[in-house]
Amino acid sequence: MASENDKRQQTRIPVDLWIEAARDGELYYQRASNLSVGGAFFVQTIPLPMGTRVSLKFTLPGDTHEIVCEGDIVSAKELGMGVQFVGLVPHDRARLEKAVLKLAKR
């Protein structure tokens, strides 16, 4: 797992992105307010306990390829939570890196 310093060194971009999160047979649509190669921050949601693992699916802005991975809840605030991506396959990680760099230049 990345240290706090490693996580903060990743470029974070503001987004308005819906991410499908499944856990224990329940499906939720979470709104991400920022995104990095390592994870996302979900807003306007009751946070799950830290350490909880969820299954994630999402499509990046301007793309049609669905990214599927796991996510661990790594931070929780009043109405938000940070999720760290786990198990990104190399081509999805590359797709995410490219999108973050492109959107960061705007």
PDB file of N, CA and C in Angstrom:
ATOM      1  N   MET A   1       0.842  -1.175   0.000  1.00  0.00           N
ATOM      2  CA  MET A   1       0.000   0.000   0.000  1.00  0.00           C
ATOM      3  C   MET A   1       0.891   1.244   0.000  1.00  0.00           C
ATOM      4  N   ALA A   2       0.484   2.257  -0.710  1.00  0.00           N
ATOM      5  CA  ALA A   2       1.266   3.480  -0.811  1.00  0.00           C
ATOM      6  C   ALA A   2       1.181   4.261   0.495  1.00  0.00           C
ATOM      7  N   SER A   3       2.245   4.969   0.811  1.00  0.00           N
ATOM      8  CA  SER A   3       2.233   5.804   2.002  1.00  0.00           C
ATOM      9  C   SER A   3       1.433   7.071   1.711  1.00  0.00           C
ATOM     10  N   GLU A   4       1.125   7.836   2.763  1.00  0.00           N
ATOM     11  CA  GLU A   4       0.395   9.084   2.578  1.00  0.00           C
ATOM     12  C   GLU A   4       1.128  10.006   1.603  1.00  0.00           C
ATOM     13  N   ASN A   5       2.461  10.098   1.727  1.00  0.00           N
ATOM     14  CA  ASN A   5       3.223  10.958   0.829  1.00  0.00           C
ATOM     15  C   ASN A   5       3.129  10.492  -0.614  1.00  0.00           C
ATOM     16  N   ASP A   6       3.204   9.168  -0.852  1.00  0.00           N
ATOM     17  CA  ASP A   6       3.097   8.635  -2.209  1.00  0.00           C
ATOM     18  C   ASP A   6       1.744   8.971  -2.806  1.00  0.00           C
ATOM     19  N   LYS A   7       0.680   8.809  -2.016  1.00  0.00           N
ATOM     20  CA  LYS A   7      -0.659   9.078  -2.527  1.00  0.00           C
ATOM     21  C   LYS A   7      -0.802  10.545  -2.913  1.00  0.00           C
ATOM     22  N   ARG A   8      -0.251  11.438  -2.131  1.00  0.00           N
ATOM     23  CA  ARG A   8      -0.393  12.866  -2.385  1.00  0.00           C
ATOM     24  C   ARG A   8       0.463  13.332  -3.558  1.00  0.00           C
ATOM     25  N   GLN A   9       1.468  12.560  -3.956  1.00  0.00           N
ATOM     26  CA  GLN A   9       2.316  12.961  -5.075  1.00  0.00           C
ATOM     27  C   GLN A   9       1.649  12.689  -6.419  1.00  0.00           C
ATOM     28  N   GLN A  10       0.615  11.882  -6.442  1.00  0.00           N
ATOM     29  CA  GLN A  10      -0.074  11.591  -7.684  1.00  0.00           C
ATOM     30  C   GLN A  10      -0.889  12.803  -8.120  1.00  0.00           C
ATOM     31  N   THR A  11      -0.897  13.047  -9.416  1.00  0.00           N
ATOM     32  CA  THR A  11      -1.691  14.143  -9.953  1.00  0.00           C
ATOM     33  C   THR A  11      -3.161  13.831  -9.770  1.00  0.00           C
ATOM     34  N   ARG A  12      -3.870  14.752  -9.150  1.00  0.00           N
ATOM     35  CA  ARG A  12      -5.315  14.612  -8.958  1.00  0.00           C
ATOM     36  C   ARG A  12      -6.001  15.644  -9.841  1.00  0.00           C
ATOM     37  N   ILE A  13      -7.051  15.196 -10.514  1.00  0.00           N
ATOM     38  CA  ILE A  13      -7.791  16.112 -11.371  1.00  0.00           C
ATOM     39  C   ILE A  13      -9.235  16.189 -10.889  1.00  0.00           C
ATOM     40  N   PRO A  14      -9.822  17.376 -10.960  1.00  0.00           N
ATOM     41  CA  PRO A  14     -11.241  17.477 -10.613  1.00  0.00           C
ATOM     42  C   PRO A  14     -12.074  16.834 -11.715  1.00  0.00           C
ATOM     43  N   VAL A  15     -13.057  16.067 -11.334  1.00  0.00           N
ATOM     44  CA  VAL A  15     -13.954  15.427 -12.293  1.00  0.00           C
ATOM     45  C   VAL A  15     -15.375  15.452 -11.742  1.00  0.00           C
ATOM     46  N   ASP A  16     -16.306  15.177 -12.601  1.00  0.00           N
ATOM     47  CA  ASP A  16     -17.680  14.894 -12.200  1.00  0.00           C
ATOM     48  C   ASP A  16     -17.995  13.575 -12.886  1.00  0.00           C
ATOM     49  N   LEU A  17     -17.684  12.490 -12.201  1.00  0.00           N
ATOM     50  CA  LEU A  17     -17.686  11.165 -12.797  1.00  0.00           C
ATOM     51  C   LEU A  17     -18.471  10.206 -11.917  1.00  0.00           C
ATOM     52  N   TRP A  18     -19.353   9.432 -12.517  1.00  0.00           N
ATOM     53  CA  TRP A  18     -20.099   8.417 -11.785  1.00  0.00           C
ATOM     54  C   TRP A  18     -19.362   7.099 -11.875  1.00  0.00           C
ATOM     55  N   ILE A  19     -19.164   6.460 -10.728  1.00  0.00           N
ATOM     56  CA  ILE A  19     -18.469   5.173 -10.648  1.00  0.00           C
ATOM     57  C   ILE A  19     -19.401   4.168  -9.981  1.00  0.00           C
ATOM     58  N   GLU A  20     -19.570   3.021 -10.629  1.00  0.00           N
ATOM     59  CA  GLU A  20     -20.393   1.953 -10.080  1.00  0.00           C
ATOM     60  C   GLU A  20     -19.566   1.210  -9.025  1.00  0.00           C
ATOM     61  N   ALA A  21     -20.124   1.080  -7.838  1.00  0.00           N
ATOM     62  CA  ALA A  21     -19.438   0.379  -6.749  1.00  0.00           C
ATOM     63  C   ALA A  21     -20.353  -0.708  -6.202  1.00  0.00           C
ATOM     64  N   ALA A  22     -19.866  -1.936  -6.179  1.00  0.00           N
ATOM     65  CA  ALA A  22     -20.659  -3.059  -5.685  1.00  0.00           C
ATOM     66  C   ALA A  22     -19.980  -3.673  -4.462  1.00  0.00           C
ATOM     67  N   ARG A  23     -20.825  -4.085  -3.514  1.00  0.00           N
ATOM     68  CA  ARG A  23     -20.318  -4.722  -2.293  1.00  0.00           C
ATOM     69  C   ARG A  23     -21.426  -5.564  -1.700  1.00  0.00           C
ATOM     70  N   ASP A  24     -21.104  -6.814  -1.398  1.00  0.00           N
ATOM     71  CA  ASP A  24     -22.058  -7.723  -0.750  1.00  0.00           C
ATOM     72  C   ASP A  24     -23.395  -7.795  -1.486  1.00  0.00           C
ATOM     73  N   GLY A  25     -23.356  -7.837  -2.817  1.00  0.00           N
ATOM     74  CA  GLY A  25     -24.574  -7.959  -3.605  1.00  0.00           C
ATOM     75  C   GLY A  25     -25.357  -6.667  -3.768  1.00  0.00           C
ATOM     76  N   GLU A  26     -24.855  -5.577  -3.224  1.00  0.00           N
ATOM     77  CA  GLU A  26     -25.530  -4.280  -3.359  1.00  0.00           C
ATOM     78  C   GLU A  26     -24.758  -3.413  -4.336  1.00  0.00           C
ATOM     79  N   LEU A  27     -25.478  -2.641  -5.146  1.00  0.00           N
ATOM     80  CA  LEU A  27     -24.875  -1.799  -6.177  1.00  0.00           C
ATOM     81  C   LEU A  27     -25.159  -0.337  -5.866  1.00  0.00           C
ATOM     82  N   TYR A  28     -24.123   0.479  -5.917  1.00  0.00           N
ATOM     83  CA  TYR A  28     -24.246   1.916  -5.664  1.00  0.00           C
ATOM     84  C   TYR A  28     -23.602   2.671  -6.816  1.00  0.00           C
ATOM     85  N   TYR A  29     -24.123   3.848  -7.114  1.00  0.00           N
ATOM     86  CA  TYR A  29     -23.473   4.738  -8.073  1.00  0.00           C
ATOM     87  C   TYR A  29     -22.906   5.888  -7.262  1.00  0.00           C
ATOM     88  N   GLN A  30     -21.576   5.979  -7.251  1.00  0.00           N
ATOM     89  CA  GLN A  30     -20.877   6.989  -6.465  1.00  0.00           C
ATOM     90  C   GLN A  30     -20.395   8.103  -7.380  1.00  0.00           C
ATOM     91  N   ARG A  31     -20.509   9.325  -6.914  1.00  0.00           N
ATOM     92  CA  ARG A  31     -20.045  10.477  -7.687  1.00  0.00           C
ATOM     93  C   ARG A  31     -18.635  10.837  -7.231  1.00  0.00           C
ATOM     94  N   ALA A  32     -17.682  10.774  -8.161  1.00  0.00           N
ATOM     95  CA  ALA A  32     -16.293  11.126  -7.849  1.00  0.00           C
ATOM     96  C   ALA A  32     -16.075  12.605  -8.158  1.00  0.00           C
ATOM     97  N   SER A  33     -15.419  13.299  -7.224  1.00  0.00           N
ATOM     98  CA  SER A  33     -15.108  14.718  -7.434  1.00  0.00           C
ATOM     99  C   SER A  33     -13.664  14.921  -7.862  1.00  0.00           C
ATOM    100  N   ASN A  34     -12.807  13.919  -7.600  1.00  0.00           N
ATOM    101  CA  ASN A  34     -11.445  13.986  -8.126  1.00  0.00           C
ATOM    102  C   ASN A  34     -10.961  12.577  -8.414  1.00  0.00           C
ATOM    103  N   LEU A  35      -9.947  12.511  -9.271  1.00  0.00           N
ATOM    104  CA  LEU A  35      -9.467  11.238  -9.776  1.00  0.00           C
ATOM    105  C   LEU A  35      -7.958  11.322  -9.943  1.00  0.00           C
ATOM    106  N   SER A  36      -7.287  10.217  -9.637  1.00  0.00           N
ATOM    107  CA  SER A  36      -5.858  10.091  -9.906  1.00  0.00           C
ATOM    108  C   SER A  36      -5.634   8.677 -10.432  1.00  0.00           C
ATOM    109  N   VAL A  37      -4.407   8.377 -10.807  1.00  0.00           N
ATOM    110  CA  VAL A  37      -4.106   7.023 -11.258  1.00  0.00           C
ATOM    111  C   VAL A  37      -4.328   6.028 -10.126  1.00  0.00           C
ATOM    112  N   GLY A  38      -4.154   6.480  -8.897  1.00  0.00           N
ATOM    113  CA  GLY A  38      -4.254   5.586  -7.750  1.00  0.00           C
ATOM    114  C   GLY A  38      -5.622   5.469  -7.117  1.00  0.00           C
ATOM    115  N   GLY A  39      -6.552   6.380  -7.443  1.00  0.00           N
ATOM    116  CA  GLY A  39      -7.845   6.305  -6.795  1.00  0.00           C
ATOM    117  C   GLY A  39      -8.747   7.472  -7.108  1.00  0.00           C
ATOM    118  N   ALA A  40      -9.800   7.589  -6.310  1.00  0.00           N
ATOM    119  CA  ALA A  40     -10.800   8.638  -6.502  1.00  0.00           C
ATOM    120  C   ALA A  40     -11.363   9.046  -5.153  1.00  0.00           C
ATOM    121  N   PHE A  41     -12.050  10.192  -5.143  1.00  0.00           N
ATOM    122  CA  PHE A  41     -12.747  10.620  -3.932  1.00  0.00           C
ATOM    123  C   PHE A  41     -14.223  10.732  -4.259  1.00  0.00           C
ATOM    124  N   PHE A  42     -15.044   9.991  -3.494  1.00  0.00           N
ATOM    125  CA  PHE A  42     -16.490   9.998  -3.678  1.00  0.00           C
ATOM    126  C   PHE A  42     -17.105  11.049  -2.754  1.00  0.00           C
ATOM    127  N   VAL A  43     -17.992  11.865  -3.309  1.00  0.00           N
ATOM    128  CA  VAL A  43     -18.650  12.923  -2.534  1.00  0.00           C
ATOM    129  C   VAL A  43     -20.135  12.621  -2.392  1.00  0.00           C
ATOM    130  N   GLN A  44     -20.752  13.331  -1.454  1.00  0.00           N
ATOM    131  CA  GLN A  44     -22.186  13.239  -1.213  1.00  0.00           C
ATOM    132  C   GLN A  44     -22.640  11.793  -0.994  1.00  0.00           C
ATOM    133  N   THR A  45     -21.900  11.081  -0.149  1.00  0.00           N
ATOM    134  CA  THR A  45     -22.234   9.696   0.162  1.00  0.00           C
ATOM    135  C   THR A  45     -21.896   9.407   1.619  1.00  0.00           C
ATOM    136  N   ILE A  46     -22.614   8.503   2.204  1.00  0.00           N
ATOM    137  CA  ILE A  46     -22.275   8.055   3.560  1.00  0.00           C
ATOM    138  C   ILE A  46     -21.097   7.100   3.410  1.00  0.00           C
ATOM    139  N   PRO A  47     -19.962   7.399   4.022  1.00  0.00           N
ATOM    140  CA  PRO A  47     -18.770   6.578   3.804  1.00  0.00           C
ATOM    141  C   PRO A  47     -18.882   5.173   4.387  1.00  0.00           C
ATOM    142  N   LEU A  48     -18.271   4.248   3.685  1.00  0.00           N
ATOM    143  CA  LEU A  48     -18.126   2.882   4.184  1.00  0.00           C
ATOM    144  C   LEU A  48     -16.952   2.853   5.154  1.00  0.00           C
ATOM    145  N   PRO A  49     -16.867   1.844   5.993  1.00  0.00           N
ATOM    146  CA  PRO A  49     -15.741   1.753   6.926  1.00  0.00           C
ATOM    147  C   PRO A  49     -14.404   1.655   6.177  1.00  0.00           C
ATOM    148  N   MET A  50     -13.380   2.282   6.733  1.00  0.00           N
ATOM    149  CA  MET A  50     -12.046   2.187   6.129  1.00  0.00           C
ATOM    150  C   MET A  50     -11.634   0.728   6.068  1.00  0.00           C
ATOM    151  N   GLY A  51     -10.968   0.359   4.976  1.00  0.00           N
ATOM    152  CA  GLY A  51     -10.544  -1.011   4.777  1.00  0.00           C
ATOM    153  C   GLY A  51     -11.547  -1.851   4.001  1.00  0.00           C
ATOM    154  N   THR A  52     -12.748  -1.322   3.788  1.00  0.00           N
ATOM    155  CA  THR A  52     -13.762  -2.041   3.026  1.00  0.00           C
ATOM    156  C   THR A  52     -13.327  -2.142   1.568  1.00  0.00           C
ATOM    157  N   ARG A  53     -13.522  -3.305   0.967  1.00  0.00           N
ATOM    158  CA  ARG A  53     -13.201  -3.497  -0.453  1.00  0.00           C
ATOM    159  C   ARG A  53     -14.496  -3.492  -1.265  1.00  0.00           C
ATOM    160  N   VAL A  54     -14.479  -2.757  -2.383  1.00  0.00           N
ATOM    161  CA  VAL A  54     -15.621  -2.680  -3.285  1.00  0.00           C
ATOM    162  C   VAL A  54     -15.167  -3.021  -4.700  1.00  0.00           C
ATOM    163  N   SER A  55     -16.094  -3.479  -5.519  1.00  0.00           N
ATOM    164  CA  SER A  55     -15.823  -3.724  -6.936  1.00  0.00           C
ATOM    165  C   SER A  55     -16.257  -2.484  -7.711  1.00  0.00           C
ATOM    166  N   LEU A  56     -15.383  -1.987  -8.571  1.00  0.00           N
ATOM    167  CA  LEU A  56     -15.632  -0.732  -9.273  1.00  0.00           C
ATOM    168  C   LEU A  56     -15.719  -0.924 -10.782  1.00  0.00           C
ATOM    169  N   LYS A  57     -16.562  -0.116 -11.422  1.00  0.00           N
ATOM    170  CA  LYS A  57     -16.653  -0.047 -12.880  1.00  0.00           C
ATOM    171  C   LYS A  57     -16.885   1.409 -13.248  1.00  0.00           C
ATOM    172  N   PHE A  58     -16.125   1.898 -14.234  1.00  0.00           N
ATOM    173  CA  PHE A  58     -16.347   3.270 -14.693  1.00  0.00           C
ATOM    174  C   PHE A  58     -15.737   3.472 -16.069  1.00  0.00           C
ATOM    175  N   THR A  59     -16.204   4.515 -16.722  1.00  0.00           N
ATOM    176  CA  THR A  59     -15.701   4.904 -18.034  1.00  0.00           C
ATOM    177  C   THR A  59     -15.157   6.324 -17.916  1.00  0.00           C
ATOM    178  N   LEU A  60     -13.964   6.535 -18.398  1.00  0.00           N
ATOM    179  CA  LEU A  60     -13.334   7.855 -18.322  1.00  0.00           C
ATOM    180  C   LEU A  60     -13.996   8.823 -19.293  1.00  0.00           C
ATOM    181  N   PRO A  61     -13.960  10.123 -18.980  1.00  0.00           N
ATOM    182  CA  PRO A  61     -14.533  11.113 -19.891  1.00  0.00           C
ATOM    183  C   PRO A  61     -13.914  11.004 -21.292  1.00  0.00           C
ATOM    184  N   GLY A  62     -14.755  10.995 -22.297  1.00  0.00           N
ATOM    185  CA  GLY A  62     -14.277  10.936 -23.670  1.00  0.00           C
ATOM    186  C   GLY A  62     -13.828   9.558 -24.118  1.00  0.00           C
ATOM    187  N   ASP A  63     -14.109   8.517 -23.332  1.00  0.00           N
ATOM    188  CA  ASP A  63     -13.680   7.160 -23.663  1.00  0.00           C
ATOM    189  C   ASP A  63     -14.904   6.248 -23.639  1.00  0.00           C
ATOM    190  N   THR A  64     -14.808   5.103 -24.278  1.00  0.00           N
ATOM    191  CA  THR A  64     -15.916   4.146 -24.260  1.00  0.00           C
ATOM    192  C   THR A  64     -15.536   2.852 -23.553  1.00  0.00           C
ATOM    193  N   HIS A  65     -14.251   2.680 -23.245  1.00  0.00           N
ATOM    194  CA  HIS A  65     -13.759   1.462 -22.599  1.00  0.00           C
ATOM    195  C   HIS A  65     -14.095   1.496 -21.110  1.00  0.00           C
ATOM    196  N   GLU A  66     -14.725   0.444 -20.618  1.00  0.00           N
ATOM    197  CA  GLU A  66     -15.064   0.366 -19.196  1.00  0.00           C
ATOM    198  C   GLU A  66     -13.879  -0.171 -18.399  1.00  0.00           C
ATOM    199  N   ILE A  67     -13.495   0.550 -17.369  1.00  0.00           N
ATOM    200  CA  ILE A  67     -12.430   0.112 -16.468  1.00  0.00           C
ATOM    201  C   ILE A  67     -13.072  -0.640 -15.310  1.00  0.00           C
ATOM    202  N   VAL A  68     -12.550  -1.819 -15.027  1.00  0.00           N
ATOM    203  CA  VAL A  68     -13.063  -2.659 -13.946  1.00  0.00           C
ATOM    204  C   VAL A  68     -11.904  -2.992 -13.018  1.00  0.00           C
ATOM    205  N   CYS A  69     -12.082  -2.730 -11.721  1.00  0.00           N
ATOM    206  CA  CYS A  69     -11.052  -3.055 -10.738  1.00  0.00           C
ATOM    207  C   CYS A  69     -11.699  -3.130  -9.364  1.00  0.00           C
ATOM    208  N   GLU A  70     -10.902  -3.420  -8.388  1.00  0.00           N
ATOM    209  CA  GLU A  70     -11.336  -3.387  -6.998  1.00  0.00           C
ATOM    210  C   GLU A  70     -10.903  -2.050  -6.406  1.00  0.00           C
ATOM    211  N   GLY A  71     -11.470  -1.700  -5.272  1.00  0.00           N
ATOM    212  CA  GLY A  71     -11.076  -0.490  -4.583  1.00  0.00           C
ATOM    213  C   GLY A  71     -11.152  -0.685  -3.083  1.00  0.00           C
ATOM    214  N   ASP A  72     -10.189  -0.135  -2.371  1.00  0.00           N
ATOM    215  CA  ASP A  72     -10.179  -0.161  -0.908  1.00  0.00           C
ATOM    216  C   ASP A  72     -10.499   1.230  -0.389  1.00  0.00           C
ATOM    217  N   ILE A  73     -11.406   1.317   0.582  1.00  0.00           N
ATOM    218  CA  ILE A  73     -11.718   2.600   1.203  1.00  0.00           C
ATOM    219  C   ILE A  73     -10.545   2.963   2.118  1.00  0.00           C
ATOM    220  N   VAL A  74      -9.901   4.109   1.815  1.00  0.00           N
ATOM    221  CA  VAL A  74      -8.702   4.496   2.553  1.00  0.00           C
ATOM    222  C   VAL A  74      -8.886   5.772   3.386  1.00  0.00           C
ATOM    223  N   SER A  75      -9.988   6.483   3.178  1.00  0.00           N
ATOM    224  CA  SER A  75     -10.284   7.644   4.016  1.00  0.00           C
ATOM    225  C   SER A  75     -11.795   7.834   4.052  1.00  0.00           C
ATOM    226  N   ALA A  76     -12.268   8.403   5.129  1.00  0.00           N
ATOM    227  CA  ALA A  76     -13.699   8.636   5.283  1.00  0.00           C
ATOM    228  C   ALA A  76     -13.905   9.970   5.978  1.00  0.00           C
ATOM    229  N   LYS A  77     -14.807  10.771   5.424  1.00  0.00           N
ATOM    230  CA  LYS A  77     -15.161  12.055   6.013  1.00  0.00           C
ATOM    231  C   LYS A  77     -16.677  12.077   6.167  1.00  0.00           C
ATOM    232  N   GLU A  78     -17.243  13.191   6.600  1.00  0.00           N
ATOM    233  CA  GLU A  78     -18.677  13.252   6.863  1.00  0.00           C
ATOM    234  C   GLU A  78     -19.520  12.701   5.722  1.00  0.00           C
ATOM    235  N   LEU A  79     -19.398  13.244   4.557  1.00  0.00           N
ATOM    236  CA  LEU A  79     -20.191  12.796   3.411  1.00  0.00           C
ATOM    237  C   LEU A  79     -19.292  12.504   2.221  1.00  0.00           C
ATOM    238  N   GLY A  80     -18.205  11.789   2.458  1.00  0.00           N
ATOM    239  CA  GLY A  80     -17.299  11.443   1.372  1.00  0.00           C
ATOM    240  C   GLY A  80     -16.313  10.378   1.803  1.00  0.00           C
ATOM    241  N   MET A  81     -15.675   9.776   0.790  1.00  0.00           N
ATOM    242  CA  MET A  81     -14.669   8.751   1.104  1.00  0.00           C
ATOM    243  C   MET A  81     -13.680   8.634  -0.039  1.00  0.00           C
ATOM    244  N   GLY A  82     -12.439   8.323   0.329  1.00  0.00           N
ATOM    245  CA  GLY A  82     -11.389   8.091  -0.649  1.00  0.00           C
ATOM    246  C   GLY A  82     -11.260   6.606  -0.919  1.00  0.00           C
ATOM    247  N   VAL A  83     -11.093   6.257  -2.188  1.00  0.00           N
ATOM    248  CA  VAL A  83     -10.939   4.866  -2.574  1.00  0.00           C
ATOM    249  C   VAL A  83      -9.640   4.707  -3.353  1.00  0.00           C
ATOM    250  N   GLN A  84      -8.877   3.696  -2.996  1.00  0.00           N
ATOM    251  CA  GLN A  84      -7.622   3.389  -3.683  1.00  0.00           C
ATOM    252  C   GLN A  84      -7.877   2.235  -4.640  1.00  0.00           C
ATOM    253  N   PHE A  85      -7.519   2.426  -5.912  1.00  0.00           N
ATOM    254  CA  PHE A  85      -7.707   1.376  -6.904  1.00  0.00           C
ATOM    255  C   PHE A  85      -6.767   0.207  -6.621  1.00  0.00           C
ATOM    256  N   VAL A  86      -7.286  -1.007  -6.751  1.00  0.00           N
ATOM    257  CA  VAL A  86      -6.529  -2.233  -6.525  1.00  0.00           C
ATOM    258  C   VAL A  86      -6.749  -3.139  -7.739  1.00  0.00           C
ATOM    259  N   GLY A  87      -5.672  -3.695  -8.251  1.00  0.00           N
ATOM    260  CA  GLY A  87      -5.802  -4.673  -9.322  1.00  0.00           C
ATOM    261  C   GLY A  87      -6.098  -4.109 -10.693  1.00  0.00           C
ATOM    262  N   LEU A  88      -5.670  -2.867 -10.938  1.00  0.00           N
ATOM    263  CA  LEU A  88      -5.824  -2.315 -12.287  1.00  0.00           C
ATOM    264  C   LEU A  88      -4.934  -3.100 -13.253  1.00  0.00           C
ATOM    265  N   VAL A  89      -5.501  -3.564 -14.348  1.00  0.00           N
ATOM    266  CA  VAL A  89      -4.673  -4.245 -15.345  1.00  0.00           C
ATOM    267  C   VAL A  89      -3.831  -3.186 -16.055  1.00  0.00           C
ATOM    268  N   PRO A  90      -2.649  -3.554 -16.580  1.00  0.00           N
ATOM    269  CA  PRO A  90      -1.735  -2.564 -17.157  1.00  0.00           C
ATOM    270  C   PRO A  90      -2.350  -1.648 -18.214  1.00  0.00           C
ATOM    271  N   HIS A  91      -3.181  -2.184 -19.118  1.00  0.00           N
ATOM    272  CA  HIS A  91      -3.729  -1.294 -20.160  1.00  0.00           C
ATOM    273  C   HIS A  91      -4.758  -0.320 -19.581  1.00  0.00           C
ATOM    274  N   ASP A  92      -5.462  -0.693 -18.510  1.00  0.00           N
ATOM    275  CA  ASP A  92      -6.383   0.245 -17.872  1.00  0.00           C
ATOM    276  C   ASP A  92      -5.610   1.304 -17.098  1.00  0.00           C
ATOM    277  N   ARG A  93      -4.510   0.905 -16.452  1.00  0.00           N
ATOM    278  CA  ARG A  93      -3.674   1.886 -15.739  1.00  0.00           C
ATOM    279  C   ARG A  93      -3.102   2.907 -16.726  1.00  0.00           C
ATOM    280  N   ALA A  94      -2.640   2.425 -17.886  1.00  0.00           N
ATOM    281  CA  ALA A  94      -2.105   3.326 -18.919  1.00  0.00           C
ATOM    282  C   ALA A  94      -3.197   4.264 -19.430  1.00  0.00           C
ATOM    283  N   ARG A  95      -4.393   3.751 -19.614  1.00  0.00           N
ATOM    284  CA  ARG A  95      -5.529   4.566 -20.074  1.00  0.00           C
ATOM    285  C   ARG A  95      -5.835   5.651 -19.038  1.00  0.00           C
ATOM    286  N   LEU A  96      -5.803   5.283 -17.774  1.00  0.00           N
ATOM    287  CA  LEU A  96      -6.059   6.225 -16.688  1.00  0.00           C
ATOM    288  C   LEU A  96      -4.957   7.288 -16.607  1.00  0.00           C
ATOM    289  N   GLU A  97      -3.694   6.862 -16.722  1.00  0.00           N
ATOM    290  CA  GLU A  97      -2.578   7.820 -16.712  1.00  0.00           C
ATOM    291  C   GLU A  97      -2.722   8.829 -17.841  1.00  0.00           C
ATOM    292  N   LYS A  98      -3.051   8.362 -19.029  1.00  0.00           N
ATOM    293  CA  LYS A  98      -3.208   9.240 -20.194  1.00  0.00           C
ATOM    294  C   LYS A  98      -4.340  10.246 -19.973  1.00  0.00           C
ATOM    295  N   ALA A  99      -5.460   9.786 -19.450  1.00  0.00           N
ATOM    296  CA  ALA A  99      -6.603  10.666 -19.203  1.00  0.00           C
ATOM    297  C   ALA A  99      -6.286  11.712 -18.142  1.00  0.00           C
ATOM    298  N   VAL A 100      -5.616  11.293 -17.062  1.00  0.00           N
ATOM    299  CA  VAL A 100      -5.273  12.237 -15.993  1.00  0.00           C
ATOM    300  C   VAL A 100      -4.322  13.311 -16.519  1.00  0.00           C
ATOM    301  N   LEU A 101      -3.305  12.911 -17.293  1.00  0.00           N
ATOM    302  CA  LEU A 101      -2.366  13.882 -17.862  1.00  0.00           C
ATOM    303  C   LEU A 101      -3.082  14.849 -18.805  1.00  0.00           C
ATOM    304  N   LYS A 102      -3.954  14.324 -19.648  1.00  0.00           N
ATOM    305  CA  LYS A 102      -4.678  15.157 -20.606  1.00  0.00           C
ATOM    306  C   LYS A 102      -5.567  16.162 -19.886  1.00  0.00           C
ATOM    307  N   LEU A 103      -6.327  15.697 -18.894  1.00  0.00           N
ATOM    308  CA  LEU A 103      -7.237  16.579 -18.182  1.00  0.00           C
ATOM    309  C   LEU A 103      -6.494  17.549 -17.260  1.00  0.00           C
ATOM    310  N   ALA A 104      -5.316  17.182 -16.778  1.00  0.00           N
ATOM    311  CA  ALA A 104      -4.533  18.057 -15.910  1.00  0.00           C
ATOM    312  C   ALA A 104      -3.982  19.259 -16.678  1.00  0.00           C
ATOM    313  N   LYS A 105      -3.817  19.116 -17.982  1.00  0.00           N
ATOM    314  CA  LYS A 105      -3.274  20.200 -18.807  1.00  0.00           C
ATOM    315  C   LYS A 105      -4.310  21.257 -19.157  1.00  0.00           C
ATOM    316  N   ARG A 106      -5.561  20.991 -18.876  1.00  0.00           N
ATOM    317  CA  ARG A 106      -6.631  21.949 -19.204  1.00  0.00           C
ATOM    318  C   ARG A 106      -6.636  23.116 -18.267  1.00  0.00           C
TER     319      ARG A 106
END
